Amino acid sequence: MNRESNTRLGVVAVACMVAGTSAAHAQLIGPVPPKGEPMPAATPSGPEASSPPPRDLSKADSEPPAPSIVDRDEAGAMKMLARGPEEEAVARYAFTEDRRAKVGRSMAARATEVDRLVIEKIDAVLKVEAMRDRVMNATEFGPLFAARDAVAALRSERLLDRLQRDGAITALQRARLDQAVGEYEKAMREHFEQLTGGDPSRQAVLNLRQTYVDATREPLAALDRLMTDLEREAANLPVGVGAPLAEPKRGVLISAAKTSRDALRTAFGGLSDEEKRAVLTFALTRRAANP
């Protein structure tokens, strides 16, 4: 088999692999890739991967079904979610007031942990943020594979895993929510197939873009929260021994925070990774002390 055929078969494998690993977790952004050359079907080399059979919840009357999170317009086209499907499913679920309060506390604790992860890995977060425009407009695999590798360091515990671990939701509620998420993922895979006319290489492009969006949504949202904290708290940065920043960088950051978010990001970008972590840690600590 020649090198070109191997490459094409590899792309088919990528499309199948990504489509089968919950790639459809977020809003699709960017152009649909142009149709390429017809691609030969891959020859199976073993049994196909299969998902575990769905749990039979037909007799679990103690918990109502989760509302669908698949929305469609008047023409029947799928509408994109503005947030992740797990978060959307939780938001739409008919929890009791007490249960909803537990969910809220668990989600808040998890968000703070994501904030801390972003501070710890600020260099990786800024790297994937800088890739966004290129990734979302990519129609070839190079930048998509680079982004896939870059976001590997930013994985965190799934929302539903955390809620169940904290006792915020029951096992049955988790199963109901999983059903709603699974329905959304299936609909999104069908949506990708319709957009691309079933072309596996074009589907792979969309799925890899989606993988990037999934992996970066929470870290980038956390970065935005932290920059809001820093914008508010920059003027309170201490001076002297052990201060997060020495002069004149402290003065530059304070001045930028008073000017605009763009100015703050520029000044922040001029700091070392250690300084970035220090000022964000200070800002997060101030948030915790002054909610």
C-alpha atoms as a PDB file:
ATOM      1  CA  MET A   1       0.000   0.000   0.000  1.00  0.00           C
ATOM      2  CA  ASN A   2       1.502   3.387  -0.951  1.00  0.00           C
ATOM      3  CA  ARG A   3       2.058   6.344   1.357  1.00  0.00           C
ATOM      4  CA  GLU A   4      -0.914   8.326  -0.022  1.00  0.00           C
ATOM      5  CA  SER A   5      -3.320   5.459   0.620  1.00  0.00           C
ATOM      6  CA  ASN A   6      -1.970   5.062   4.157  1.00  0.00           C
ATOM      7  CA  THR A   7      -2.556   8.747   4.815  1.00  0.00           C
ATOM      8  CA  ARG A   8      -6.115   8.597   3.514  1.00  0.00           C
ATOM      9  CA  LEU A   9      -6.927   5.537   5.579  1.00  0.00           C
ATOM     10  CA  GLY A  10      -5.472   7.268   8.617  1.00  0.00           C
ATOM     11  CA  VAL A  11      -7.816  10.201   8.106  1.00  0.00           C
ATOM     12  CA  VAL A  12     -10.798   7.876   7.913  1.00  0.00           C
ATOM     13  CA  ALA A  13      -9.664   6.289  11.165  1.00  0.00           C
ATOM     14  CA  VAL A  14      -9.364   9.686  12.799  1.00  0.00           C
ATOM     15  CA  ALA A  15     -12.884  10.618  11.706  1.00  0.00           C
ATOM     16  CA  CYS A  16     -14.334   7.436  13.150  1.00  0.00           C
ATOM     17  CA  MET A  17     -12.293   7.656  16.340  1.00  0.00           C
ATOM     18  CA  VAL A  18     -13.171  11.261  17.101  1.00  0.00           C
ATOM     19  CA  ALA A  19     -16.837  10.856  16.223  1.00  0.00           C
ATOM     20  CA  GLY A  20     -17.039   7.962  18.651  1.00  0.00           C
ATOM     21  CA  THR A  21     -15.491   9.739  21.649  1.00  0.00           C
ATOM     22  CA  SER A  22     -18.114  12.350  22.515  1.00  0.00           C
ATOM     23  CA  ALA A  23     -16.677  14.977  20.189  1.00  0.00           C
ATOM     24  CA  ALA A  24     -19.934  16.900  19.942  1.00  0.00           C
ATOM     25  CA  HIS A  25     -19.768  18.744  23.244  1.00  0.00           C
ATOM     26  CA  ALA A  26     -20.087  22.353  22.137  1.00  0.00           C
ATOM     27  CA  GLN A  27     -21.029  24.949  19.612  1.00  0.00           C
ATOM     28  CA  LEU A  28     -19.584  24.461  16.133  1.00  0.00           C
ATOM     29  CA  ILE A  29     -17.746  27.554  14.920  1.00  0.00           C
ATOM     30  CA  GLY A  30     -15.955  28.039  11.625  1.00  0.00           C
ATOM     31  CA  PRO A  31     -16.387  27.149   7.996  1.00  0.00           C
ATOM     32  CA  VAL A  32     -17.351  23.705   6.795  1.00  0.00           C
ATOM     33  CA  PRO A  33     -14.250  22.303   5.073  1.00  0.00           C
ATOM     34  CA  PRO A  34     -14.400  21.981   1.287  1.00  0.00           C
ATOM     35  CA  LYS A  35     -15.006  18.590  -0.182  1.00  0.00           C
ATOM     36  CA  GLY A  36     -11.835  16.729  -1.061  1.00  0.00           C
ATOM     37  CA  GLU A  37     -11.085  13.707  -3.202  1.00  0.00           C
ATOM     38  CA  PRO A  38     -13.157  10.559  -2.729  1.00  0.00           C
ATOM     39  CA  MET A  39     -11.600   8.393  -0.049  1.00  0.00           C
ATOM     40  CA  PRO A  40     -11.427   4.576  -0.024  1.00  0.00           C
ATOM     41  CA  ALA A  41     -13.171   2.787   2.796  1.00  0.00           C
ATOM     42  CA  ALA A  42     -10.859   1.406   5.468  1.00  0.00           C
ATOM     43  CA  THR A  43     -10.520  -2.378   5.648  1.00  0.00           C
ATOM     44  CA  PRO A  44     -11.541  -3.559   9.114  1.00  0.00           C
ATOM     45  CA  SER A  45      -8.642  -5.164  10.989  1.00  0.00           C
ATOM     46  CA  GLY A  46     -10.591  -6.274  14.028  1.00  0.00           C
ATOM     47  CA  PRO A  47     -13.908  -5.981  15.815  1.00  0.00           C
ATOM     48  CA  GLU A  48     -15.387  -2.508  15.796  1.00  0.00           C
ATOM     49  CA  ALA A  49     -15.385  -0.585  19.065  1.00  0.00           C
ATOM     50  CA  SER A  50     -18.803  -0.569  20.629  1.00  0.00           C
ATOM     51  CA  SER A  51     -20.364   1.443  23.410  1.00  0.00           C
ATOM     52  CA  PRO A  52     -21.774  -0.384  26.433  1.00  0.00           C
ATOM     53  CA  PRO A  53     -25.484  -1.137  26.092  1.00  0.00           C
ATOM     54  CA  PRO A  54     -27.700   1.656  27.457  1.00  0.00           C
ATOM     55  CA  ARG A  55     -29.068   1.136  30.910  1.00  0.00           C
ATOM     56  CA  ASP A  56     -32.717   0.134  31.068  1.00  0.00           C
ATOM     57  CA  LEU A  57     -34.319   2.892  33.083  1.00  0.00           C
ATOM     58  CA  SER A  58     -37.893   2.143  32.059  1.00  0.00           C
ATOM     59  CA  LYS A  59     -38.806   0.968  35.570  1.00  0.00           C
ATOM     60  CA  ALA A  60     -37.005   3.736  37.408  1.00  0.00           C
ATOM     61  CA  ASP A  61     -40.163   5.693  38.130  1.00  0.00           C
ATOM     62  CA  SER A  62     -38.680   7.604  41.042  1.00  0.00           C
ATOM     63  CA  GLU A  63     -36.958  10.067  38.733  1.00  0.00           C
ATOM     64  CA  PRO A  64     -38.471  11.818  35.705  1.00  0.00           C
ATOM     65  CA  PRO A  65     -36.665  11.791  32.366  1.00  0.00           C
ATOM     66  CA  ALA A  66     -34.238  14.615  31.765  1.00  0.00           C
ATOM     67  CA  PRO A  67     -35.534  17.269  29.360  1.00  0.00           C
ATOM     68  CA  SER A  68     -34.039  17.086  25.892  1.00  0.00           C
ATOM     69  CA  ILE A  69     -31.249  19.548  25.188  1.00  0.00           C
ATOM     70  CA  VAL A  70     -31.549  19.123  21.429  1.00  0.00           C
ATOM     71  CA  ASP A  71     -33.199  22.280  20.106  1.00  0.00           C
ATOM     72  CA  ARG A  72     -34.222  22.816  16.502  1.00  0.00           C
ATOM     73  CA  ASP A  73     -35.344  25.802  14.464  1.00  0.00           C
ATOM     74  CA  GLU A  74     -38.575  26.029  12.478  1.00  0.00           C
ATOM     75  CA  ALA A  75     -36.923  24.288   9.534  1.00  0.00           C
ATOM     76  CA  GLY A  76     -35.834  21.386  11.729  1.00  0.00           C
ATOM     77  CA  ALA A  77     -32.148  22.307  11.724  1.00  0.00           C
ATOM     78  CA  MET A  78     -30.268  21.685  14.952  1.00  0.00           C
ATOM     79  CA  LYS A  79     -29.528  24.734  17.082  1.00  0.00           C
ATOM     80  CA  MET A  80     -26.116  24.968  18.701  1.00  0.00           C
ATOM     81  CA  LEU A  81     -25.785  25.165  22.471  1.00  0.00           C
ATOM     82  CA  ALA A  82     -24.065  28.205  23.922  1.00  0.00           C
ATOM     83  CA  ARG A  83     -22.594  26.063  26.715  1.00  0.00           C
ATOM     84  CA  GLY A  84     -21.552  22.468  27.157  1.00  0.00           C
ATOM     85  CA  PRO A  85     -24.230  19.764  27.024  1.00  0.00           C
ATOM     86  CA  GLU A  86     -23.591  18.502  30.556  1.00  0.00           C
ATOM     87  CA  GLU A  87     -24.029  22.007  31.963  1.00  0.00           C
ATOM     88  CA  GLU A  88     -27.115  22.521  29.800  1.00  0.00           C
ATOM     89  CA  ALA A  89     -28.628  19.209  30.897  1.00  0.00           C
ATOM     90  CA  VAL A  90     -28.062  20.100  34.556  1.00  0.00           C
ATOM     91  CA  ALA A  91     -29.575  23.565  34.049  1.00  0.00           C
ATOM     92  CA  ARG A  92     -32.751  22.115  32.496  1.00  0.00           C
ATOM     93  CA  TYR A  93     -33.225  19.239  34.928  1.00  0.00           C
ATOM     94  CA  ALA A  94     -36.138  19.468  37.358  1.00  0.00           C
ATOM     95  CA  PHE A  95     -34.191  19.181  40.613  1.00  0.00           C
ATOM     96  CA  THR A  96     -35.839  19.916  43.931  1.00  0.00           C
ATOM     97  CA  GLU A  97     -34.845  23.184  45.568  1.00  0.00           C
ATOM     98  CA  ASP A  98     -32.573  21.424  48.066  1.00  0.00           C
ATOM     99  CA  ARG A  99     -30.962  19.308  45.361  1.00  0.00           C
ATOM    100  CA  ARG A 100     -30.427  22.348  43.150  1.00  0.00           C
ATOM    101  CA  ALA A 101     -28.636  24.068  46.037  1.00  0.00           C
ATOM    102  CA  LYS A 102     -26.281  21.075  46.383  1.00  0.00           C
ATOM    103  CA  VAL A 103     -25.637  21.138  42.647  1.00  0.00           C
ATOM    104  CA  GLY A 104     -24.837  24.839  42.804  1.00  0.00           C
ATOM    105  CA  ARG A 105     -22.322  24.392  45.609  1.00  0.00           C
ATOM    106  CA  SER A 106     -20.600  21.524  43.814  1.00  0.00           C
ATOM    107  CA  MET A 107     -20.398  23.467  40.558  1.00  0.00           C
ATOM    108  CA  ALA A 108     -18.987  26.516  42.343  1.00  0.00           C
ATOM    109  CA  ALA A 109     -16.291  24.429  44.022  1.00  0.00           C
ATOM    110  CA  ARG A 110     -15.408  22.805  40.721  1.00  0.00           C
ATOM    111  CA  ALA A 111     -15.190  26.200  38.977  1.00  0.00           C
ATOM    112  CA  THR A 112     -12.696  27.386  41.588  1.00  0.00           C
ATOM    113  CA  GLU A 113     -10.636  24.243  41.008  1.00  0.00           C
ATOM    114  CA  VAL A 114     -10.613  24.991  37.284  1.00  0.00           C
ATOM    115  CA  ASP A 115      -9.443  28.524  38.116  1.00  0.00           C
ATOM    116  CA  ARG A 116      -6.544  27.057  40.088  1.00  0.00           C
ATOM    117  CA  LEU A 117      -5.715  24.685  37.244  1.00  0.00           C
ATOM    118  CA  VAL A 118      -5.578  27.627  34.844  1.00  0.00           C
ATOM    119  CA  ILE A 119      -3.202  29.493  37.166  1.00  0.00           C
ATOM    120  CA  GLU A 120      -0.974  26.435  37.478  1.00  0.00           C
ATOM    121  CA  LYS A 121      -0.901  25.888  33.708  1.00  0.00           C
ATOM    122  CA  ILE A 122      -1.182  29.483  32.533  1.00  0.00           C
ATOM    123  CA  ASP A 123       1.442  28.988  29.817  1.00  0.00           C
ATOM    124  CA  ALA A 124      -0.542  26.114  28.276  1.00  0.00           C
ATOM    125  CA  VAL A 125      -3.823  28.043  28.562  1.00  0.00           C
ATOM    126  CA  LEU A 126      -2.422  31.093  26.793  1.00  0.00           C
ATOM    127  CA  LYS A 127      -0.945  28.843  24.117  1.00  0.00           C
ATOM    128  CA  VAL A 128      -4.272  27.210  23.268  1.00  0.00           C
ATOM    129  CA  GLU A 129      -6.062  30.563  23.455  1.00  0.00           C
ATOM    130  CA  ALA A 130      -3.686  31.947  20.829  1.00  0.00           C
ATOM    131  CA  MET A 131      -4.558  29.028  18.537  1.00  0.00           C
ATOM    132  CA  ARG A 132      -8.284  29.729  18.496  1.00  0.00           C
ATOM    133  CA  ASP A 133      -8.718  31.721  15.293  1.00  0.00           C
ATOM    134  CA  ARG A 134      -6.470  29.396  13.332  1.00  0.00           C
ATOM    135  CA  VAL A 135      -8.195  26.288  14.653  1.00  0.00           C
ATOM    136  CA  MET A 136     -11.727  27.537  14.108  1.00  0.00           C
ATOM    137  CA  ASN A 137     -10.966  28.427  10.492  1.00  0.00           C
ATOM    138  CA  ALA A 138      -8.840  25.379   9.710  1.00  0.00           C
ATOM    139  CA  THR A 139      -9.829  23.177   6.800  1.00  0.00           C
ATOM    140  CA  GLU A 140      -6.680  21.030   6.988  1.00  0.00           C
ATOM    141  CA  PHE A 141      -5.391  18.736   9.704  1.00  0.00           C
ATOM    142  CA  GLY A 142      -2.063  20.353  10.673  1.00  0.00           C
ATOM    143  CA  PRO A 143      -3.332  23.057  13.056  1.00  0.00           C
ATOM    144  CA  LEU A 144      -6.075  20.748  14.336  1.00  0.00           C
ATOM    145  CA  PHE A 145      -3.632  18.031  15.357  1.00  0.00           C
ATOM    146  CA  ALA A 146      -1.386  20.662  16.976  1.00  0.00           C
ATOM    147  CA  ALA A 147      -4.354  21.994  18.958  1.00  0.00           C
ATOM    148  CA  ARG A 148      -5.426  18.492  19.984  1.00  0.00           C
ATOM    149  CA  ASP A 149      -1.977  17.874  21.445  1.00  0.00           C
ATOM    150  CA  ALA A 150      -1.829  21.292  23.144  1.00  0.00           C
ATOM    151  CA  VAL A 151      -5.152  20.914  24.977  1.00  0.00           C
ATOM    152  CA  ALA A 152      -4.236  17.529  26.436  1.00  0.00           C
ATOM    153  CA  ALA A 153      -2.755  19.275  29.500  1.00  0.00           C
ATOM    154  CA  LEU A 154      -6.008  21.088  30.270  1.00  0.00           C
ATOM    155  CA  ARG A 155      -8.321  18.157  30.929  1.00  0.00           C
ATOM    156  CA  SER A 156     -10.296  18.286  34.144  1.00  0.00           C
ATOM    157  CA  GLU A 157     -12.930  16.158  35.859  1.00  0.00           C
ATOM    158  CA  ARG A 158     -16.233  15.978  33.993  1.00  0.00           C
ATOM    159  CA  LEU A 159     -19.062  17.968  35.511  1.00  0.00           C
ATOM    160  CA  LEU A 160     -21.380  14.981  35.990  1.00  0.00           C
ATOM    161  CA  ASP A 161     -18.574  12.949  37.561  1.00  0.00           C
ATOM    162  CA  ARG A 162     -17.954  15.743  40.038  1.00  0.00           C
ATOM    163  CA  LEU A 163     -21.626  16.233  40.888  1.00  0.00           C
ATOM    164  CA  GLN A 164     -22.080  12.554  41.588  1.00  0.00           C
ATOM    165  CA  ARG A 165     -18.835  12.340  43.570  1.00  0.00           C
ATOM    166  CA  ASP A 166     -19.971  15.243  45.754  1.00  0.00           C
ATOM    167  CA  GLY A 167     -23.364  13.618  46.317  1.00  0.00           C
ATOM    168  CA  ALA A 168     -25.052  16.548  44.589  1.00  0.00           C
ATOM    169  CA  ILE A 169     -26.882  14.165  42.243  1.00  0.00           C
ATOM    170  CA  THR A 170     -27.950  10.556  42.664  1.00  0.00           C
ATOM    171  CA  ALA A 171     -26.856   7.680  40.462  1.00  0.00           C
ATOM    172  CA  LEU A 172     -30.285   7.648  38.830  1.00  0.00           C
ATOM    173  CA  GLN A 173     -30.200  11.377  38.177  1.00  0.00           C
ATOM    174  CA  ARG A 174     -26.747  10.920  36.683  1.00  0.00           C
ATOM    175  CA  ALA A 175     -28.110   8.239  34.378  1.00  0.00           C
ATOM    176  CA  ARG A 176     -30.953  10.513  33.269  1.00  0.00           C
ATOM    177  CA  LEU A 177     -28.537  13.351  32.563  1.00  0.00           C
ATOM    178  CA  ASP A 178     -26.238  11.006  30.661  1.00  0.00           C
ATOM    179  CA  GLN A 179     -29.190  10.056  28.466  1.00  0.00           C
ATOM    180  CA  ALA A 180     -29.850  13.704  27.599  1.00  0.00           C
ATOM    181  CA  VAL A 181     -26.173  14.283  26.799  1.00  0.00           C
ATOM    182  CA  GLY A 182     -26.024  11.124  24.701  1.00  0.00           C
ATOM    183  CA  GLU A 183     -29.048  12.233  22.695  1.00  0.00           C
ATOM    184  CA  TYR A 184     -27.358  15.570  22.028  1.00  0.00           C
ATOM    185  CA  GLU A 185     -24.103  13.913  20.930  1.00  0.00           C
ATOM    186  CA  LYS A 186     -25.958  11.622  18.551  1.00  0.00           C
ATOM    187  CA  ALA A 187     -27.818  14.587  17.064  1.00  0.00           C
ATOM    188  CA  MET A 188     -24.572  16.515  16.657  1.00  0.00           C
ATOM    189  CA  ARG A 189     -22.883  13.614  14.868  1.00  0.00           C
ATOM    190  CA  GLU A 190     -25.855  13.492  12.486  1.00  0.00           C
ATOM    191  CA  HIS A 191     -25.593  17.263  12.081  1.00  0.00           C
ATOM    192  CA  PHE A 192     -21.917  16.974  11.119  1.00  0.00           C
ATOM    193  CA  GLU A 193     -22.776  14.219   8.663  1.00  0.00           C
ATOM    194  CA  GLN A 194     -25.417  16.391   7.006  1.00  0.00           C
ATOM    195  CA  LEU A 195     -23.069  19.394   6.823  1.00  0.00           C
ATOM    196  CA  THR A 196     -20.348  17.366   5.132  1.00  0.00           C
ATOM    197  CA  GLY A 197     -22.449  15.067   2.971  1.00  0.00           C
ATOM    198  CA  GLY A 198     -20.990  12.098   4.848  1.00  0.00           C
ATOM    199  CA  ASP A 199     -17.407  12.842   3.750  1.00  0.00           C
ATOM    200  CA  PRO A 200     -15.193  11.262   6.461  1.00  0.00           C
ATOM    201  CA  SER A 201     -12.265  13.668   6.068  1.00  0.00           C
ATOM    202  CA  ARG A 202     -14.524  16.715   6.365  1.00  0.00           C
ATOM    203  CA  GLN A 203     -16.271  15.170   9.362  1.00  0.00           C
ATOM    204  CA  ALA A 204     -12.861  14.624  10.960  1.00  0.00           C
ATOM    205  CA  VAL A 205     -12.061  18.321  10.555  1.00  0.00           C
ATOM    206  CA  LEU A 206     -15.319  19.313  12.263  1.00  0.00           C
ATOM    207  CA  ASN A 207     -14.832  16.787  15.041  1.00  0.00           C
ATOM    208  CA  LEU A 208     -11.271  17.912  15.732  1.00  0.00           C
ATOM    209  CA  ARG A 209     -12.436  21.515  15.865  1.00  0.00           C
ATOM    210  CA  GLN A 210     -15.125  20.414  18.278  1.00  0.00           C
ATOM    211  CA  THR A 211     -12.565  18.622  20.444  1.00  0.00           C
ATOM    212  CA  TYR A 212     -10.657  21.892  20.727  1.00  0.00           C
ATOM    213  CA  VAL A 213     -13.796  23.821  21.721  1.00  0.00           C
ATOM    214  CA  ASP A 214     -14.731  21.188  24.296  1.00  0.00           C
ATOM    215  CA  ALA A 215     -11.316  21.143  25.910  1.00  0.00           C
ATOM    216  CA  THR A 216     -10.875  24.908  26.034  1.00  0.00           C
ATOM    217  CA  ARG A 217     -14.340  26.168  26.970  1.00  0.00           C
ATOM    218  CA  GLU A 218     -13.895  25.926  30.726  1.00  0.00           C
ATOM    219  CA  PRO A 219     -10.203  26.935  30.915  1.00  0.00           C
ATOM    220  CA  LEU A 220     -10.818  30.013  28.760  1.00  0.00           C
ATOM    221  CA  ALA A 221     -13.901  30.937  30.776  1.00  0.00           C
ATOM    222  CA  ALA A 222     -11.800  30.572  33.935  1.00  0.00           C
ATOM    223  CA  LEU A 223      -9.102  32.771  32.430  1.00  0.00           C
ATOM    224  CA  ASP A 224     -11.721  35.419  31.725  1.00  0.00           C
ATOM    225  CA  ARG A 225     -12.939  35.232  35.347  1.00  0.00           C
ATOM    226  CA  LEU A 226      -9.388  35.593  36.617  1.00  0.00           C
ATOM    227  CA  MET A 227      -8.712  38.580  34.382  1.00  0.00           C
ATOM    228  CA  THR A 228     -11.869  40.194  35.756  1.00  0.00           C
ATOM    229  CA  ASP A 229     -10.524  39.574  39.264  1.00  0.00           C
ATOM    230  CA  LEU A 230      -7.145  41.021  38.318  1.00  0.00           C
ATOM    231  CA  GLU A 231      -8.743  44.052  36.707  1.00  0.00           C
ATOM    232  CA  ARG A 232     -10.621  44.725  39.946  1.00  0.00           C
ATOM    233  CA  GLU A 233      -7.743  43.956  42.311  1.00  0.00           C
ATOM    234  CA  ALA A 234      -4.676  45.258  40.462  1.00  0.00           C
ATOM    235  CA  ALA A 235      -4.622  48.494  42.463  1.00  0.00           C
ATOM    236  CA  ASN A 236      -4.421  46.403  45.656  1.00  0.00           C
ATOM    237  CA  LEU A 237      -1.279  44.525  44.613  1.00  0.00           C
ATOM    238  CA  PRO A 238       1.061  44.745  47.610  1.00  0.00           C
ATOM    239  CA  VAL A 239       4.564  46.182  47.552  1.00  0.00           C
ATOM    240  CA  GLY A 240       7.735  45.174  49.318  1.00  0.00           C
ATOM    241  CA  VAL A 241       9.308  41.829  50.085  1.00  0.00           C
ATOM    242  CA  GLY A 242       7.273  38.900  48.798  1.00  0.00           C
ATOM    243  CA  ALA A 243       5.015  41.059  46.612  1.00  0.00           C
ATOM    244  CA  PRO A 244       3.739  39.383  43.424  1.00  0.00           C
ATOM    245  CA  LEU A 245       5.323  42.090  41.252  1.00  0.00           C
ATOM    246  CA  ALA A 246       8.207  44.484  41.643  1.00  0.00           C
ATOM    247  CA  GLU A 247       8.143  48.008  40.311  1.00  0.00           C
ATOM    248  CA  PRO A 248       7.851  49.162  37.560  1.00  0.00           C
ATOM    249  CA  LYS A 249       5.802  46.148  36.408  1.00  0.00           C
ATOM    250  CA  ARG A 250       3.343  46.651  39.225  1.00  0.00           C
ATOM    251  CA  GLY A 251       2.694  50.221  38.152  1.00  0.00           C
ATOM    252  CA  VAL A 252       2.315  49.222  34.516  1.00  0.00           C
ATOM    253  CA  LEU A 253      -0.229  46.535  35.405  1.00  0.00           C
ATOM    254  CA  ILE A 254      -2.235  48.877  37.632  1.00  0.00           C
ATOM    255  CA  SER A 255      -2.313  51.540  34.907  1.00  0.00           C
ATOM    256  CA  ALA A 256      -3.376  48.979  32.287  1.00  0.00           C
ATOM    257  CA  ALA A 257      -6.159  47.657  34.518  1.00  0.00           C
ATOM    258  CA  LYS A 258      -7.580  51.177  34.733  1.00  0.00           C
ATOM    259  CA  THR A 259      -7.446  51.607  30.952  1.00  0.00           C
ATOM    260  CA  SER A 260      -9.129  48.606  29.348  1.00  0.00           C
ATOM    261  CA  ARG A 261      -9.223  44.824  29.300  1.00  0.00           C
ATOM    262  CA  ASP A 262      -7.094  44.813  26.148  1.00  0.00           C
ATOM    263  CA  ALA A 263      -4.482  46.980  27.836  1.00  0.00           C
ATOM    264  CA  LEU A 264      -4.508  44.683  30.845  1.00  0.00           C
ATOM    265  CA  ARG A 265      -4.022  41.614  28.675  1.00  0.00           C
ATOM    266  CA  THR A 266      -1.078  43.292  26.928  1.00  0.00           C
ATOM    267  CA  ALA A 267       0.581  44.174  30.233  1.00  0.00           C
ATOM    268  CA  PHE A 268      -0.178  40.715  31.608  1.00  0.00           C
ATOM    269  CA  GLY A 269       1.401  39.157  28.522  1.00  0.00           C
ATOM    270  CA  GLY A 270       4.652  40.948  29.328  1.00  0.00           C
ATOM    271  CA  LEU A 271       5.027  39.144  32.648  1.00  0.00           C
ATOM    272  CA  SER A 272       6.959  35.936  33.182  1.00  0.00           C
ATOM    273  CA  ASP A 273       4.957  32.755  33.794  1.00  0.00           C
ATOM    274  CA  GLU A 274       5.922  32.908  37.468  1.00  0.00           C
ATOM    275  CA  GLU A 275       4.717  36.518  37.714  1.00  0.00           C
ATOM    276  CA  LYS A 276       1.482  35.663  35.913  1.00  0.00           C
ATOM    277  CA  ARG A 277       0.772  32.873  38.374  1.00  0.00           C
ATOM    278  CA  ALA A 278       1.575  35.159  41.301  1.00  0.00           C
ATOM    279  CA  VAL A 279      -0.753  38.002  40.313  1.00  0.00           C
ATOM    280  CA  LEU A 280      -3.600  35.636  39.387  1.00  0.00           C
ATOM    281  CA  THR A 281      -3.220  33.783  42.680  1.00  0.00           C
ATOM    282  CA  PHE A 282      -3.412  37.122  44.496  1.00  0.00           C
ATOM    283  CA  ALA A 283      -6.542  38.092  42.557  1.00  0.00           C
ATOM    284  CA  LEU A 284      -8.220  34.722  43.192  1.00  0.00           C
ATOM    285  CA  THR A 285      -7.415  34.938  46.908  1.00  0.00           C
ATOM    286  CA  ARG A 286      -8.963  38.402  47.046  1.00  0.00           C
ATOM    287  CA  ARG A 287     -12.086  37.071  45.318  1.00  0.00           C
ATOM    288  CA  ALA A 288     -12.428  34.330  47.925  1.00  0.00           C
ATOM    289  CA  ALA A 289     -12.014  36.860  50.728  1.00  0.00           C
ATOM    290  CA  ASN A 290     -14.397  39.373  49.142  1.00  0.00           C
ATOM    291  CA  PRO A 291     -17.075  37.394  47.285  1.00  0.00           C
END
